[in-house]
Amino acid sequence: MNTALEKLFGSSARVKMIRLFLSNPENVFSLEDVSRRAKVLTLVAKRELSLFRGIGLIKQKDQIMEEPCLSRGEPVKLKDGTIKIKKKKFNGYFLNALFPFVHALRNLVLNAAPVDKEAMIKEINTIGRIKLVVFSGIFTNHENSRVDLLLVGDSMKETKLDKVLKNIEAEIGKEIVYAVFKTDDFMYRLGMYDRFIRDILEYPHEKVVNKLNI
């Protein structure tokens, strides 16, 4: 995370939550959503949301969420075979598009101070034997790309991969589209001029790790 922004805004939690709302202006989040996606403690998220509301950065409205009724961890089924649904009311939070500094804030937080790519690479390298890391899409400001992140390597731990990707998403404030390949599979598809692979490599991208020399 950019330490200058942390100092400017008071904490990394605040920066991540601001990124979340600015990167998803159409979304309505519950307190639990904000805590999970920004990877901050619920008490911290609640405090920051109160601050954001107080200055007018976000608004709040009641939302209704439908979820299956569970019995011993399993969905309860009705006689016709459908799953019994319960409705839950919760406070929803969303970006106030009329906040007077929203454009300046977006330029500062999303553009002027991007996420720390070096820290991301360091974390990605803990997943396994990484041979190729390609940033595209959201990381290169070309959101029409097939993926945001391409990873190629071996002995990659799935649980570690999932954790690292969630950490990255928490930092940038948005879910990313990614593709993961084992080295042999990737090289085979590259040699066969696989359309998916070619689309990624022919579109604007940045090879931040390239041990394959491609």
N, C-alpha and C. Protein backbone atom coordinates (compact mmCIF):
# COMPACT_ATOMS: atom_id res chain seq x y z
N MET A 1 0.84 -1.20 0.00
CA MET A 1 0.00 0.00 0.00
C MET A 1 0.87 1.24 0.00
N ASN A 2 0.40 2.30 -0.65
CA ASN A 2 1.14 3.54 -0.73
C ASN A 2 1.16 4.22 0.63
N THR A 3 2.34 4.30 1.25
CA THR A 3 2.44 4.83 2.61
C THR A 3 2.09 6.31 2.68
N ALA A 4 2.34 7.07 1.61
CA ALA A 4 1.99 8.49 1.59
C ALA A 4 0.48 8.66 1.74
N LEU A 5 -0.28 7.81 1.03
CA LEU A 5 -1.74 7.88 1.15
C LEU A 5 -2.19 7.49 2.55
N GLU A 6 -1.55 6.48 3.12
CA GLU A 6 -1.90 6.06 4.48
C GLU A 6 -1.73 7.23 5.45
N LYS A 7 -0.63 7.94 5.32
CA LYS A 7 -0.38 9.07 6.21
C LYS A 7 -1.37 10.20 5.95
N LEU A 8 -1.69 10.42 4.67
CA LEU A 8 -2.60 11.50 4.30
C LEU A 8 -4.01 11.22 4.80
N PHE A 9 -4.46 9.99 4.66
CA PHE A 9 -5.83 9.64 5.02
C PHE A 9 -5.97 9.02 6.41
N GLY A 10 -4.85 8.76 7.07
CA GLY A 10 -4.93 8.29 8.45
C GLY A 10 -4.67 6.83 8.66
N SER A 11 -5.00 5.97 7.67
CA SER A 11 -4.79 4.53 7.82
C SER A 11 -4.95 3.83 6.49
N SER A 12 -4.38 2.63 6.39
CA SER A 12 -4.54 1.83 5.18
C SER A 12 -5.98 1.36 5.04
N ALA A 13 -6.66 1.12 6.17
CA ALA A 13 -8.06 0.68 6.13
C ALA A 13 -8.93 1.73 5.45
N ARG A 14 -8.70 2.98 5.80
CA ARG A 14 -9.50 4.05 5.20
C ARG A 14 -9.25 4.15 3.70
N VAL A 15 -8.00 4.04 3.29
CA VAL A 15 -7.67 4.10 1.86
C VAL A 15 -8.34 2.96 1.11
N LYS A 16 -8.26 1.75 1.66
CA LYS A 16 -8.86 0.59 0.97
C LYS A 16 -10.37 0.73 0.86
N MET A 17 -11.00 1.26 1.90
CA MET A 17 -12.46 1.43 1.84
C MET A 17 -12.85 2.51 0.84
N ILE A 18 -12.07 3.58 0.77
CA ILE A 18 -12.34 4.62 -0.22
C ILE A 18 -12.18 4.05 -1.62
N ARG A 19 -11.13 3.26 -1.84
CA ARG A 19 -10.93 2.61 -3.15
C ARG A 19 -12.14 1.74 -3.49
N LEU A 20 -12.65 1.01 -2.51
CA LEU A 20 -13.77 0.10 -2.75
C LEU A 20 -14.98 0.86 -3.29
N PHE A 21 -15.32 1.98 -2.66
CA PHE A 21 -16.49 2.73 -3.11
C PHE A 21 -16.24 3.44 -4.44
N LEU A 22 -15.04 3.99 -4.62
CA LEU A 22 -14.74 4.69 -5.87
C LEU A 22 -14.66 3.73 -7.05
N SER A 23 -14.20 2.50 -6.81
CA SER A 23 -14.05 1.52 -7.89
C SER A 23 -15.36 0.82 -8.22
N ASN A 24 -16.35 0.94 -7.35
CA ASN A 24 -17.64 0.27 -7.55
C ASN A 24 -18.78 1.26 -7.29
N PRO A 25 -18.86 2.32 -8.09
CA PRO A 25 -19.82 3.40 -7.81
C PRO A 25 -21.28 2.99 -7.90
N GLU A 26 -21.57 1.87 -8.57
CA GLU A 26 -22.97 1.44 -8.71
C GLU A 26 -23.38 0.43 -7.64
N ASN A 27 -22.44 -0.05 -6.87
CA ASN A 27 -22.72 -1.12 -5.90
C ASN A 27 -23.22 -0.58 -4.57
N VAL A 28 -24.05 -1.41 -3.93
CA VAL A 28 -24.51 -1.13 -2.57
C VAL A 28 -23.94 -2.22 -1.67
N PHE A 29 -23.21 -1.82 -0.64
CA PHE A 29 -22.51 -2.77 0.22
C PHE A 29 -23.11 -2.79 1.62
N SER A 30 -23.15 -3.98 2.19
CA SER A 30 -23.47 -4.10 3.61
C SER A 30 -22.19 -3.88 4.41
N LEU A 31 -22.33 -3.73 5.71
CA LEU A 31 -21.16 -3.60 6.58
C LEU A 31 -20.26 -4.81 6.42
N GLU A 32 -20.87 -6.00 6.37
CA GLU A 32 -20.10 -7.24 6.23
C GLU A 32 -19.36 -7.27 4.89
N ASP A 33 -20.01 -6.79 3.83
CA ASP A 33 -19.37 -6.74 2.51
C ASP A 33 -18.12 -5.88 2.55
N VAL A 34 -18.24 -4.71 3.14
CA VAL A 34 -17.12 -3.77 3.20
C VAL A 34 -15.97 -4.37 3.99
N SER A 35 -16.30 -4.97 5.15
CA SER A 35 -15.27 -5.58 5.99
C SER A 35 -14.54 -6.70 5.27
N ARG A 36 -15.31 -7.55 4.57
CA ARG A 36 -14.72 -8.70 3.87
C ARG A 36 -13.91 -8.28 2.66
N ARG A 37 -14.45 -7.40 1.85
CA ARG A 37 -13.78 -7.06 0.60
C ARG A 37 -12.57 -6.14 0.81
N ALA A 38 -12.64 -5.27 1.80
CA ALA A 38 -11.50 -4.40 2.08
C ALA A 38 -10.54 -5.05 3.07
N LYS A 39 -10.94 -6.21 3.63
CA LYS A 39 -10.12 -6.93 4.59
C LYS A 39 -9.74 -6.05 5.79
N VAL A 40 -10.78 -5.46 6.38
CA VAL A 40 -10.59 -4.68 7.60
C VAL A 40 -11.55 -5.21 8.66
N LEU A 41 -11.23 -5.01 9.92
CA LEU A 41 -12.08 -5.46 11.01
C LEU A 41 -13.45 -4.78 10.94
N THR A 42 -14.48 -5.51 11.34
CA THR A 42 -15.84 -4.98 11.27
C THR A 42 -15.99 -3.69 12.07
N LEU A 43 -15.39 -3.64 13.25
CA LEU A 43 -15.47 -2.42 14.07
C LEU A 43 -14.81 -1.24 13.37
N VAL A 44 -13.69 -1.51 12.70
CA VAL A 44 -13.00 -0.45 11.96
C VAL A 44 -13.85 0.00 10.78
N ALA A 45 -14.43 -0.95 10.06
CA ALA A 45 -15.28 -0.62 8.91
C ALA A 45 -16.48 0.21 9.35
N LYS A 46 -17.08 -0.16 10.48
CA LYS A 46 -18.25 0.56 10.99
C LYS A 46 -17.88 2.00 11.33
N ARG A 47 -16.72 2.19 11.95
CA ARG A 47 -16.27 3.54 12.32
C ARG A 47 -16.01 4.39 11.08
N GLU A 48 -15.35 3.79 10.09
CA GLU A 48 -15.03 4.55 8.88
C GLU A 48 -16.28 4.87 8.07
N LEU A 49 -17.22 3.94 8.02
CA LEU A 49 -18.47 4.19 7.31
C LEU A 49 -19.23 5.36 7.94
N SER A 50 -19.20 5.43 9.26
CA SER A 50 -19.84 6.54 9.96
C SER A 50 -19.18 7.86 9.59
N LEU A 51 -17.86 7.84 9.48
CA LEU A 51 -17.12 9.05 9.09
C LEU A 51 -17.47 9.44 7.65
N PHE A 52 -17.47 8.45 6.75
CA PHE A 52 -17.79 8.71 5.35
C PHE A 52 -19.19 9.31 5.19
N ARG A 53 -20.14 8.76 5.96
CA ARG A 53 -21.51 9.29 5.90
C ARG A 53 -21.55 10.71 6.42
N GLY A 54 -20.79 10.96 7.47
CA GLY A 54 -20.79 12.29 8.09
C GLY A 54 -20.31 13.38 7.16
N ILE A 55 -19.36 13.07 6.29
CA ILE A 55 -18.83 14.08 5.37
C ILE A 55 -19.55 14.06 4.02
N GLY A 56 -20.44 13.07 3.83
CA GLY A 56 -21.23 13.02 2.60
C GLY A 56 -20.62 12.23 1.47
N LEU A 57 -19.53 11.48 1.75
CA LEU A 57 -18.89 10.69 0.70
C LEU A 57 -19.77 9.52 0.28
N ILE A 58 -20.48 8.93 1.22
CA ILE A 58 -21.39 7.83 0.92
C ILE A 58 -22.78 8.12 1.46
N LYS A 59 -23.75 7.37 0.97
CA LYS A 59 -25.11 7.45 1.47
C LYS A 59 -25.53 6.07 1.98
N GLN A 60 -26.63 6.03 2.67
CA GLN A 60 -27.12 4.77 3.23
C GLN A 60 -28.59 4.59 2.88
N LYS A 61 -28.97 3.36 2.59
CA LYS A 61 -30.38 3.05 2.38
C LYS A 61 -30.64 1.62 2.79
N ASP A 62 -31.89 1.35 3.20
CA ASP A 62 -32.26 0.00 3.60
C ASP A 62 -32.32 -0.90 2.38
N GLN A 63 -31.79 -2.09 2.52
CA GLN A 63 -31.79 -3.09 1.45
C GLN A 63 -32.40 -4.39 1.96
N ILE A 64 -32.96 -5.15 1.03
CA ILE A 64 -33.50 -6.47 1.35
C ILE A 64 -32.65 -7.52 0.66
N MET A 65 -32.15 -8.47 1.42
CA MET A 65 -31.35 -9.55 0.86
C MET A 65 -32.08 -10.87 1.06
N GLU A 66 -32.11 -11.66 0.01
CA GLU A 66 -32.72 -12.99 0.09
C GLU A 66 -31.62 -14.04 0.25
N GLU A 67 -31.85 -14.96 1.18
CA GLU A 67 -30.88 -16.05 1.38
C GLU A 67 -31.64 -17.31 1.79
N PRO A 68 -31.09 -18.49 1.47
CA PRO A 68 -31.79 -19.74 1.78
C PRO A 68 -31.87 -20.00 3.28
N CYS A 69 -32.98 -20.58 3.70
CA CYS A 69 -33.12 -21.02 5.08
C CYS A 69 -32.32 -22.31 5.25
N LEU A 70 -31.56 -22.39 6.31
CA LEU A 70 -30.70 -23.55 6.53
C LEU A 70 -31.14 -24.35 7.75
N SER A 71 -30.97 -25.66 7.66
CA SER A 71 -31.20 -26.56 8.79
C SER A 71 -30.02 -27.52 8.84
N ARG A 72 -29.25 -27.43 9.92
CA ARG A 72 -28.04 -28.24 10.06
C ARG A 72 -27.08 -28.03 8.89
N GLY A 73 -27.04 -26.79 8.44
CA GLY A 73 -26.11 -26.42 7.37
C GLY A 73 -26.61 -26.69 5.97
N GLU A 74 -27.80 -27.32 5.84
CA GLU A 74 -28.34 -27.64 4.51
C GLU A 74 -29.57 -26.78 4.21
N PRO A 75 -29.76 -26.38 2.93
CA PRO A 75 -30.94 -25.59 2.56
C PRO A 75 -32.24 -26.35 2.82
N VAL A 76 -33.23 -25.65 3.34
CA VAL A 76 -34.54 -26.26 3.59
C VAL A 76 -35.36 -26.25 2.30
N LYS A 77 -35.85 -27.41 1.91
CA LYS A 77 -36.62 -27.51 0.67
C LYS A 77 -38.11 -27.59 0.96
N LEU A 78 -38.90 -26.94 0.09
CA LEU A 78 -40.35 -27.00 0.20
C LEU A 78 -40.88 -28.23 -0.52
N LYS A 79 -42.19 -28.47 -0.41
CA LYS A 79 -42.77 -29.67 -1.00
C LYS A 79 -42.60 -29.73 -2.51
N ASP A 80 -42.57 -28.57 -3.14
CA ASP A 80 -42.43 -28.56 -4.60
C ASP A 80 -40.97 -28.67 -5.04
N GLY A 81 -40.07 -28.83 -4.08
CA GLY A 81 -38.66 -29.01 -4.41
C GLY A 81 -37.84 -27.73 -4.40
N THR A 82 -38.52 -26.58 -4.33
CA THR A 82 -37.78 -25.32 -4.29
C THR A 82 -37.20 -25.09 -2.89
N ILE A 83 -36.23 -24.22 -2.83
CA ILE A 83 -35.56 -23.93 -1.56
C ILE A 83 -36.27 -22.79 -0.84
N LYS A 84 -36.50 -22.98 0.44
CA LYS A 84 -37.16 -21.97 1.25
C LYS A 84 -36.23 -20.77 1.42
N ILE A 85 -36.78 -19.59 1.13
CA ILE A 85 -35.98 -18.36 1.17
C ILE A 85 -36.47 -17.45 2.30
N LYS A 86 -35.52 -16.83 2.97
CA LYS A 86 -35.87 -15.82 3.97
C LYS A 86 -35.31 -14.47 3.54
N LYS A 87 -36.02 -13.42 3.91
CA LYS A 87 -35.59 -12.08 3.55
C LYS A 87 -34.97 -11.40 4.77
N LYS A 88 -33.85 -10.76 4.52
CA LYS A 88 -33.11 -10.11 5.59
C LYS A 88 -32.89 -8.64 5.23
N LYS A 89 -33.26 -7.77 6.16
CA LYS A 89 -33.09 -6.34 5.94
C LYS A 89 -31.74 -5.89 6.49
N PHE A 90 -31.04 -5.06 5.72
CA PHE A 90 -29.75 -4.56 6.20
C PHE A 90 -29.50 -3.15 5.69
N ASN A 91 -28.57 -2.47 6.34
CA ASN A 91 -28.18 -1.14 5.91
C ASN A 91 -27.23 -1.25 4.72
N GLY A 92 -27.57 -0.59 3.64
CA GLY A 92 -26.71 -0.61 2.46
C GLY A 92 -26.00 0.72 2.31
N TYR A 93 -24.71 0.66 1.92
CA TYR A 93 -23.91 1.87 1.76
C TYR A 93 -23.44 1.98 0.31
N PHE A 94 -23.50 3.18 -0.25
CA PHE A 94 -23.09 3.37 -1.64
C PHE A 94 -22.49 4.76 -1.82
N LEU A 95 -21.69 4.89 -2.87
CA LEU A 95 -21.00 6.16 -3.14
C LEU A 95 -21.99 7.25 -3.49
N ASN A 96 -21.79 8.42 -2.90
CA ASN A 96 -22.59 9.59 -3.23
C ASN A 96 -21.96 10.27 -4.43
N ALA A 97 -22.56 10.10 -5.60
CA ALA A 97 -22.00 10.64 -6.84
C ALA A 97 -21.96 12.17 -6.83
N LEU A 98 -22.73 12.80 -5.95
CA LEU A 98 -22.77 14.26 -5.89
C LEU A 98 -21.82 14.83 -4.84
N PHE A 99 -21.04 13.97 -4.20
CA PHE A 99 -20.03 14.45 -3.26
C PHE A 99 -19.11 15.42 -4.01
N PRO A 100 -18.93 16.64 -3.51
CA PRO A 100 -18.23 17.67 -4.29
C PRO A 100 -16.79 17.34 -4.68
N PHE A 101 -16.14 16.45 -3.95
CA PHE A 101 -14.74 16.15 -4.24
C PHE A 101 -14.55 14.75 -4.82
N VAL A 102 -15.63 14.15 -5.32
CA VAL A 102 -15.54 12.76 -5.75
C VAL A 102 -14.58 12.59 -6.93
N HIS A 103 -14.58 13.53 -7.86
CA HIS A 103 -13.70 13.41 -9.02
C HIS A 103 -12.23 13.63 -8.64
N ALA A 104 -11.99 14.62 -7.78
CA ALA A 104 -10.63 14.87 -7.32
C ALA A 104 -10.12 13.69 -6.50
N LEU A 105 -11.01 13.11 -5.69
CA LEU A 105 -10.64 11.97 -4.86
C LEU A 105 -10.34 10.76 -5.72
N ARG A 106 -11.15 10.55 -6.76
CA ARG A 106 -10.91 9.43 -7.67
C ARG A 106 -9.57 9.59 -8.38
N ASN A 107 -9.25 10.79 -8.80
CA ASN A 107 -7.98 11.03 -9.48
C ASN A 107 -6.80 10.79 -8.54
N LEU A 108 -6.96 11.18 -7.29
CA LEU A 108 -5.88 11.00 -6.33
C LEU A 108 -5.70 9.55 -5.92
N VAL A 109 -6.79 8.91 -5.52
CA VAL A 109 -6.71 7.56 -4.96
C VAL A 109 -6.54 6.48 -6.02
N LEU A 110 -7.21 6.62 -7.15
CA LEU A 110 -7.17 5.57 -8.17
C LEU A 110 -6.11 5.80 -9.24
N ASN A 111 -5.79 7.05 -9.51
CA ASN A 111 -4.88 7.34 -10.61
C ASN A 111 -3.51 7.86 -10.16
N ALA A 112 -3.52 8.88 -9.32
CA ALA A 112 -2.25 9.49 -8.93
C ALA A 112 -1.43 8.62 -8.01
N ALA A 113 -2.09 7.74 -7.26
CA ALA A 113 -1.37 6.89 -6.31
C ALA A 113 -1.82 5.45 -6.47
N PRO A 114 -1.34 4.78 -7.52
CA PRO A 114 -1.74 3.40 -7.77
C PRO A 114 -1.20 2.46 -6.70
N VAL A 115 -1.69 1.23 -6.73
CA VAL A 115 -1.25 0.25 -5.74
C VAL A 115 0.22 -0.08 -5.94
N ASP A 116 0.84 -0.56 -4.90
CA ASP A 116 2.27 -0.88 -4.90
C ASP A 116 2.48 -2.21 -5.63
N LYS A 117 2.91 -2.13 -6.90
CA LYS A 117 3.08 -3.34 -7.71
C LYS A 117 4.22 -4.21 -7.20
N GLU A 118 5.27 -3.58 -6.69
CA GLU A 118 6.39 -4.36 -6.17
C GLU A 118 5.97 -5.22 -4.99
N ALA A 119 5.14 -4.67 -4.12
CA ALA A 119 4.64 -5.44 -2.99
C ALA A 119 3.75 -6.58 -3.47
N MET A 120 2.96 -6.32 -4.53
CA MET A 120 2.11 -7.36 -5.09
C MET A 120 2.94 -8.50 -5.65
N ILE A 121 4.00 -8.16 -6.38
CA ILE A 121 4.86 -9.19 -6.98
C ILE A 121 5.51 -10.04 -5.89
N LYS A 122 5.96 -9.37 -4.85
CA LYS A 122 6.59 -10.09 -3.74
C LYS A 122 5.62 -11.09 -3.13
N GLU A 123 4.37 -10.69 -3.00
CA GLU A 123 3.36 -11.59 -2.43
C GLU A 123 3.02 -12.71 -3.40
N ILE A 124 2.94 -12.39 -4.70
CA ILE A 124 2.63 -13.40 -5.71
C ILE A 124 3.71 -14.48 -5.73
N ASN A 125 4.95 -14.10 -5.52
CA ASN A 125 6.06 -15.06 -5.55
C ASN A 125 6.01 -16.07 -4.42
N THR A 126 5.17 -15.84 -3.42
CA THR A 126 5.03 -16.80 -2.32
C THR A 126 4.09 -17.94 -2.68
N ILE A 127 3.39 -17.82 -3.82
CA ILE A 127 2.39 -18.83 -4.20
C ILE A 127 3.05 -20.13 -4.63
N GLY A 128 4.17 -20.03 -5.32
CA GLY A 128 4.85 -21.21 -5.85
C GLY A 128 6.02 -20.78 -6.72
N ARG A 129 6.41 -21.64 -7.65
CA ARG A 129 7.52 -21.30 -8.56
C ARG A 129 6.95 -20.50 -9.73
N ILE A 130 6.92 -19.21 -9.57
CA ILE A 130 6.31 -18.32 -10.56
C ILE A 130 7.27 -18.05 -11.71
N LYS A 131 6.79 -18.25 -12.93
CA LYS A 131 7.61 -18.04 -14.12
C LYS A 131 7.21 -16.81 -14.93
N LEU A 132 5.94 -16.45 -14.84
CA LEU A 132 5.46 -15.32 -15.64
C LEU A 132 4.31 -14.64 -14.91
N VAL A 133 4.39 -13.32 -14.79
CA VAL A 133 3.30 -12.52 -14.23
C VAL A 133 3.03 -11.38 -15.20
N VAL A 134 1.81 -11.30 -15.68
CA VAL A 134 1.41 -10.27 -16.62
C VAL A 134 0.29 -9.44 -16.01
N PHE A 135 0.53 -8.13 -15.94
CA PHE A 135 -0.51 -7.19 -15.52
C PHE A 135 -1.19 -6.64 -16.76
N SER A 136 -2.50 -6.59 -16.74
CA SER A 136 -3.26 -6.03 -17.84
C SER A 136 -4.55 -5.45 -17.27
N GLY A 137 -5.48 -5.13 -18.14
CA GLY A 137 -6.79 -4.69 -17.66
C GLY A 137 -6.72 -3.53 -16.69
N ILE A 138 -7.22 -3.75 -15.50
CA ILE A 138 -7.32 -2.70 -14.50
C ILE A 138 -5.96 -2.14 -14.10
N PHE A 139 -4.90 -2.97 -14.22
CA PHE A 139 -3.57 -2.52 -13.82
C PHE A 139 -2.89 -1.65 -14.87
N THR A 140 -3.40 -1.67 -16.09
CA THR A 140 -2.82 -0.86 -17.16
C THR A 140 -3.83 0.13 -17.73
N ASN A 141 -4.95 0.29 -17.00
CA ASN A 141 -6.02 1.21 -17.43
C ASN A 141 -6.60 0.84 -18.79
N HIS A 142 -6.66 -0.48 -19.06
CA HIS A 142 -7.32 -0.99 -20.26
C HIS A 142 -8.31 -2.07 -19.82
N GLU A 143 -9.46 -1.63 -19.36
CA GLU A 143 -10.39 -2.55 -18.72
C GLU A 143 -11.13 -3.46 -19.69
N ASN A 144 -10.86 -3.34 -21.00
CA ASN A 144 -11.47 -4.26 -21.97
C ASN A 144 -10.60 -5.49 -22.22
N SER A 145 -9.49 -5.59 -21.50
CA SER A 145 -8.61 -6.75 -21.66
C SER A 145 -9.31 -8.02 -21.21
N ARG A 146 -8.83 -9.16 -21.72
CA ARG A 146 -9.43 -10.45 -21.36
C ARG A 146 -9.26 -10.74 -19.88
N VAL A 147 -8.11 -10.37 -19.32
CA VAL A 147 -7.86 -10.59 -17.89
C VAL A 147 -7.13 -9.38 -17.32
N ASP A 148 -7.14 -9.27 -16.01
CA ASP A 148 -6.35 -8.26 -15.32
C ASP A 148 -4.99 -8.81 -14.92
N LEU A 149 -4.95 -10.12 -14.69
CA LEU A 149 -3.73 -10.74 -14.18
C LEU A 149 -3.56 -12.14 -14.77
N LEU A 150 -2.37 -12.41 -15.31
CA LEU A 150 -2.03 -13.74 -15.83
C LEU A 150 -0.86 -14.27 -15.01
N LEU A 151 -1.04 -15.48 -14.46
CA LEU A 151 0.02 -16.12 -13.68
C LEU A 151 0.39 -17.44 -14.33
N VAL A 152 1.69 -17.68 -14.48
CA VAL A 152 2.20 -18.95 -15.00
C VAL A 152 3.28 -19.44 -14.04
N GLY A 153 3.17 -20.71 -13.64
CA GLY A 153 4.16 -21.26 -12.73
C GLY A 153 3.85 -22.69 -12.35
N ASP A 154 4.60 -23.20 -11.41
CA ASP A 154 4.42 -24.59 -10.98
C ASP A 154 4.41 -24.67 -9.46
N SER A 155 3.89 -25.78 -8.97
CA SER A 155 3.79 -26.02 -7.52
C SER A 155 3.08 -24.88 -6.81
N MET A 156 2.08 -24.32 -7.46
CA MET A 156 1.33 -23.23 -6.86
C MET A 156 0.29 -23.77 -5.89
N LYS A 157 0.29 -23.23 -4.69
CA LYS A 157 -0.64 -23.66 -3.64
C LYS A 157 -1.96 -22.93 -3.80
N GLU A 158 -3.04 -23.71 -3.96
CA GLU A 158 -4.35 -23.12 -4.25
C GLU A 158 -4.83 -22.22 -3.12
N THR A 159 -4.66 -22.67 -1.87
CA THR A 159 -5.13 -21.85 -0.75
C THR A 159 -4.33 -20.55 -0.66
N LYS A 160 -3.04 -20.63 -0.92
CA LYS A 160 -2.20 -19.44 -0.90
C LYS A 160 -2.57 -18.51 -2.05
N LEU A 161 -2.84 -19.09 -3.22
CA LEU A 161 -3.26 -18.31 -4.38
C LEU A 161 -4.52 -17.52 -4.07
N ASP A 162 -5.49 -18.21 -3.47
CA ASP A 162 -6.77 -17.56 -3.15
C ASP A 162 -6.56 -16.41 -2.16
N LYS A 163 -5.71 -16.63 -1.18
CA LYS A 163 -5.44 -15.60 -0.17
C LYS A 163 -4.76 -14.39 -0.80
N VAL A 164 -3.76 -14.63 -1.65
CA VAL A 164 -3.03 -13.54 -2.29
C VAL A 164 -3.95 -12.72 -3.20
N LEU A 165 -4.78 -13.40 -3.97
CA LEU A 165 -5.70 -12.70 -4.87
C LEU A 165 -6.69 -11.84 -4.10
N LYS A 166 -7.18 -12.36 -2.97
CA LYS A 166 -8.11 -11.58 -2.14
C LYS A 166 -7.41 -10.37 -1.53
N ASN A 167 -6.13 -10.53 -1.18
CA ASN A 167 -5.37 -9.39 -0.66
C ASN A 167 -5.21 -8.31 -1.73
N ILE A 168 -4.94 -8.74 -2.96
CA ILE A 168 -4.79 -7.79 -4.06
C ILE A 168 -6.10 -7.06 -4.32
N GLU A 169 -7.20 -7.82 -4.33
CA GLU A 169 -8.52 -7.21 -4.55
C GLU A 169 -8.86 -6.22 -3.46
N ALA A 170 -8.46 -6.53 -2.23
CA ALA A 170 -8.71 -5.61 -1.12
C ALA A 170 -7.93 -4.31 -1.31
N GLU A 171 -6.73 -4.41 -1.84
CA GLU A 171 -5.89 -3.23 -2.04
C GLU A 171 -6.43 -2.34 -3.16
N ILE A 172 -6.87 -2.95 -4.27
CA ILE A 172 -7.31 -2.14 -5.41
C ILE A 172 -8.79 -1.77 -5.31
N GLY A 173 -9.53 -2.47 -4.42
CA GLY A 173 -10.92 -2.13 -4.22
C GLY A 173 -11.87 -2.72 -5.24
N LYS A 174 -11.40 -3.70 -6.00
CA LYS A 174 -12.25 -4.27 -7.05
C LYS A 174 -11.87 -5.71 -7.31
N GLU A 175 -12.86 -6.53 -7.66
CA GLU A 175 -12.57 -7.92 -8.01
C GLU A 175 -11.82 -7.95 -9.34
N ILE A 176 -10.85 -8.84 -9.42
CA ILE A 176 -10.04 -8.92 -10.64
C ILE A 176 -10.36 -10.19 -11.41
N VAL A 177 -10.15 -10.11 -12.73
CA VAL A 177 -10.27 -11.28 -13.60
C VAL A 177 -8.86 -11.82 -13.81
N TYR A 178 -8.66 -13.10 -13.54
CA TYR A 178 -7.31 -13.65 -13.63
C TYR A 178 -7.32 -15.01 -14.32
N ALA A 179 -6.15 -15.39 -14.78
CA ALA A 179 -5.97 -16.72 -15.39
C ALA A 179 -4.67 -17.30 -14.84
N VAL A 180 -4.70 -18.60 -14.52
CA VAL A 180 -3.54 -19.28 -13.95
C VAL A 180 -3.24 -20.52 -14.79
N PHE A 181 -1.96 -20.70 -15.17
CA PHE A 181 -1.55 -21.86 -15.97
C PHE A 181 -0.29 -22.48 -15.38
N LYS A 182 -0.18 -23.79 -15.52
CA LYS A 182 1.10 -24.45 -15.27
C LYS A 182 2.00 -24.14 -16.46
N THR A 183 3.30 -24.17 -16.24
CA THR A 183 4.24 -23.75 -17.28
C THR A 183 4.09 -24.57 -18.56
N ASP A 184 4.05 -25.90 -18.46
CA ASP A 184 3.96 -26.75 -19.65
C ASP A 184 2.68 -26.45 -20.44
N ASP A 185 1.58 -26.32 -19.72
CA ASP A 185 0.30 -26.05 -20.37
C ASP A 185 0.33 -24.70 -21.08
N PHE A 186 0.88 -23.71 -20.41
CA PHE A 186 0.96 -22.38 -21.01
C PHE A 186 1.82 -22.39 -22.27
N MET A 187 3.00 -23.01 -22.19
CA MET A 187 3.90 -23.03 -23.35
C MET A 187 3.29 -23.78 -24.52
N TYR A 188 2.55 -24.84 -24.23
CA TYR A 188 1.88 -25.60 -25.30
C TYR A 188 0.85 -24.71 -25.98
N ARG A 189 0.02 -24.04 -25.17
CA ARG A 189 -1.03 -23.20 -25.74
C ARG A 189 -0.44 -22.00 -26.48
N LEU A 190 0.68 -21.48 -25.98
CA LEU A 190 1.35 -20.38 -26.66
C LEU A 190 1.86 -20.83 -28.03
N GLY A 191 2.46 -22.04 -28.08
CA GLY A 191 2.97 -22.58 -29.32
C GLY A 191 1.88 -22.90 -30.33
N MET A 192 0.69 -23.20 -29.83
CA MET A 192 -0.45 -23.51 -30.70
C MET A 192 -1.23 -22.25 -31.10
N TYR A 193 -0.69 -21.09 -30.72
CA TYR A 193 -1.34 -19.81 -31.01
C TYR A 193 -2.78 -19.78 -30.47
N ASP A 194 -2.89 -20.26 -29.23
CA ASP A 194 -4.18 -20.24 -28.54
C ASP A 194 -4.75 -18.82 -28.52
N ARG A 195 -6.00 -18.68 -28.91
CA ARG A 195 -6.61 -17.36 -29.07
C ARG A 195 -6.64 -16.59 -27.75
N PHE A 196 -6.97 -17.28 -26.67
CA PHE A 196 -7.05 -16.63 -25.36
C PHE A 196 -5.70 -16.05 -24.95
N ILE A 197 -4.65 -16.85 -25.10
CA ILE A 197 -3.31 -16.40 -24.74
C ILE A 197 -2.86 -15.25 -25.63
N ARG A 198 -3.11 -15.37 -26.94
CA ARG A 198 -2.70 -14.32 -27.87
C ARG A 198 -3.41 -13.00 -27.57
N ASP A 199 -4.69 -13.10 -27.21
CA ASP A 199 -5.45 -11.88 -26.89
C ASP A 199 -4.81 -11.15 -25.71
N ILE A 200 -4.37 -11.90 -24.72
CA ILE A 200 -3.75 -11.28 -23.54
C ILE A 200 -2.43 -10.61 -23.91
N LEU A 201 -1.60 -11.33 -24.68
CA LEU A 201 -0.26 -10.84 -24.98
C LEU A 201 -0.23 -9.81 -26.10
N GLU A 202 -1.27 -9.75 -26.91
CA GLU A 202 -1.31 -8.77 -27.99
C GLU A 202 -2.01 -7.49 -27.56
N TYR A 203 -2.69 -7.55 -26.41
CA TYR A 203 -3.37 -6.37 -25.88
C TYR A 203 -2.39 -5.64 -24.96
N PRO A 204 -2.57 -4.35 -24.68
CA PRO A 204 -1.66 -3.65 -23.77
C PRO A 204 -1.48 -4.39 -22.45
N HIS A 205 -0.23 -4.65 -22.08
CA HIS A 205 0.05 -5.41 -20.86
C HIS A 205 1.45 -5.06 -20.37
N GLU A 206 1.75 -5.56 -19.19
CA GLU A 206 3.07 -5.34 -18.58
C GLU A 206 3.57 -6.66 -17.99
N LYS A 207 4.68 -7.16 -18.49
CA LYS A 207 5.28 -8.38 -17.94
C LYS A 207 6.16 -7.98 -16.76
N VAL A 208 5.69 -8.23 -15.57
CA VAL A 208 6.44 -7.81 -14.37
C VAL A 208 7.36 -8.92 -13.87
N VAL A 209 7.07 -10.16 -14.25
CA VAL A 209 7.97 -11.29 -14.04
C VAL A 209 7.98 -12.05 -15.35
N ASN A 210 9.17 -12.32 -15.91
CA ASN A 210 9.23 -12.98 -17.20
C ASN A 210 10.45 -13.91 -17.27
N LYS A 211 10.38 -15.02 -16.55
CA LYS A 211 11.46 -15.98 -16.56
C LYS A 211 11.40 -16.90 -17.78
N LEU A 212 10.32 -16.77 -18.57
CA LEU A 212 10.17 -17.57 -19.79
C LEU A 212 10.74 -16.87 -21.01
N ASN A 213 11.10 -15.61 -20.83
CA ASN A 213 11.68 -14.83 -21.93
C ASN A 213 10.79 -14.80 -23.16
N ILE A 214 9.53 -14.52 -22.95
CA ILE A 214 8.61 -14.41 -24.09
C ILE A 214 8.29 -12.94 -24.38
